[in-house]
Protein backbone atom coordinates (compact mmCIF):
# COMPACT_ATOMS: atom_id res chain seq x y z
CA MET A 1 -5.22 -177.84 147.92
CA GLN A 2 -3.38 -178.16 151.18
CA VAL A 3 -6.25 -180.19 152.87
CA ASP A 4 -5.30 -182.82 155.40
CA ARG A 5 -5.74 -186.33 153.86
CA SER A 6 -7.73 -187.62 157.00
CA THR A 7 -10.24 -184.84 156.59
CA VAL A 8 -10.99 -185.68 152.97
CA ARG A 9 -11.25 -189.40 153.60
CA TYR A 10 -13.37 -189.16 156.72
CA PRO A 11 -15.69 -192.12 156.99
CA SER A 12 -19.34 -191.45 157.96
CA ARG A 13 -20.38 -192.83 161.33
CA ARG A 14 -24.10 -192.64 160.72
CA GLY A 15 -25.72 -195.75 161.89
CA ASP A 16 -28.41 -197.89 160.35
CA ASP A 17 -31.92 -196.35 160.60
CA ALA A 18 -33.93 -199.19 159.02
CA GLU A 19 -35.98 -199.70 162.20
CA LEU A 20 -36.69 -195.91 162.75
CA ARG A 21 -37.51 -195.49 159.07
CA ASP A 22 -40.03 -198.33 159.22
CA ALA A 23 -41.57 -196.83 162.44
CA ILE A 24 -41.88 -193.35 160.78
CA LYS A 25 -43.51 -194.79 157.64
CA ARG A 26 -45.90 -196.90 159.69
CA VAL A 27 -47.02 -193.95 161.77
CA SER A 28 -47.40 -191.68 158.81
CA ARG A 29 -49.52 -194.41 157.03
CA GLU A 30 -51.72 -194.79 160.11
CA ARG A 31 -52.08 -191.05 160.75
CA ARG A 32 -52.17 -189.38 157.29
CA ARG A 33 -52.91 -185.98 158.77
CA PHE A 34 -49.88 -186.00 161.14
CA GLY A 35 -46.93 -183.96 160.07
CA CYS A 36 -43.17 -184.34 160.99
CA ARG A 37 -43.51 -182.90 164.33
CA ARG A 38 -46.44 -185.04 165.54
CA VAL A 39 -44.76 -188.12 163.93
CA HIS A 40 -41.77 -187.30 166.15
CA VAL A 41 -43.95 -187.29 169.30
CA MET A 42 -45.60 -190.62 168.28
CA ILE A 43 -42.15 -192.18 167.66
CA ALA A 44 -40.93 -190.89 171.04
CA ARG A 45 -43.95 -192.49 172.72
CA GLU A 46 -42.93 -195.86 171.17
CA GLY A 47 -39.67 -195.58 172.90
CA PHE A 48 -37.34 -194.24 170.21
CA ALA A 49 -34.91 -191.75 171.68
CA VAL A 50 -34.24 -189.66 168.58
CA ASN A 51 -33.67 -186.05 167.81
CA HIS A 52 -36.51 -184.05 165.94
CA LYS A 53 -33.97 -183.15 163.23
CA LYS A 54 -33.21 -186.76 162.46
CA VAL A 55 -36.87 -187.52 162.23
CA ARG A 56 -37.36 -184.57 159.86
CA ARG A 57 -34.39 -185.73 157.65
CA ILE A 58 -35.87 -189.34 157.25
CA TYR A 59 -39.29 -187.82 156.74
CA THR A 60 -38.20 -185.78 153.78
CA GLU A 61 -35.91 -188.43 152.45
CA GLU A 62 -38.82 -190.87 152.31
CA LYS A 63 -40.83 -188.11 150.51
CA LEU A 64 -43.53 -188.16 153.21
CA GLN A 65 -45.92 -185.20 153.42
CA VAL A 66 -49.38 -184.37 155.00
CA ARG A 67 -52.10 -185.24 152.59
CA ARG A 68 -53.96 -182.19 151.20
CA ARG A 69 -57.58 -181.82 151.82
CA GLY A 70 -59.92 -181.08 149.07
CA GLY A 71 -60.61 -177.50 148.31
CA ARG A 72 -63.93 -175.58 148.06
CA LYS A 73 -66.32 -176.85 145.37
CA ARG A 74 -66.91 -174.22 142.66
CA ALA A 75 -69.79 -174.08 140.22
CA LEU A 76 -68.95 -175.44 136.76
CA GLY A 77 -69.90 -173.63 133.56
CA THR A 78 -71.53 -170.24 133.31
CA ARG A 79 -74.14 -168.92 135.56
CA LYS A 80 -77.53 -167.84 134.38
CA PRO A 81 -78.84 -164.55 135.57
CA MET A 82 -81.51 -164.83 138.28
CA VAL A 83 -85.03 -164.69 136.92
CA LEU A 84 -87.09 -162.02 138.59
CA PRO A 85 -90.87 -162.79 139.12
CA VAL A 86 -93.14 -160.73 136.92
CA MET A 87 -96.35 -159.32 138.57
CA VAL A 88 -99.30 -160.46 136.61
CA LEU A 89 -102.47 -158.28 136.77
CA THR A 90 -105.97 -159.65 136.46
CA ARG A 91 -108.93 -157.84 135.03
CA ASP A 92 -110.19 -156.80 138.43
CA GLY A 93 -106.94 -155.07 139.29
CA HIS A 94 -105.57 -157.73 141.81
């Protein structure tokens, strides 16, 4: 293949993100309507100096997502046609 041996066996230098993962999970549990961007802002406020791309990677790896709100309630079953009032005449014409 003519690939340098050091390239193929390159060890990953990615550090341990356990503390950051816990913080992201905690914020997303507290604020269920917050997406990845707002979670990144909250993490930054807590003092984590982390890139938004790293927050997104961890957010998707942990399978976190914004909770869906309920949809519009629709009528169940079939609808009856609207009943029109019938004019009743009395003997004197009113």
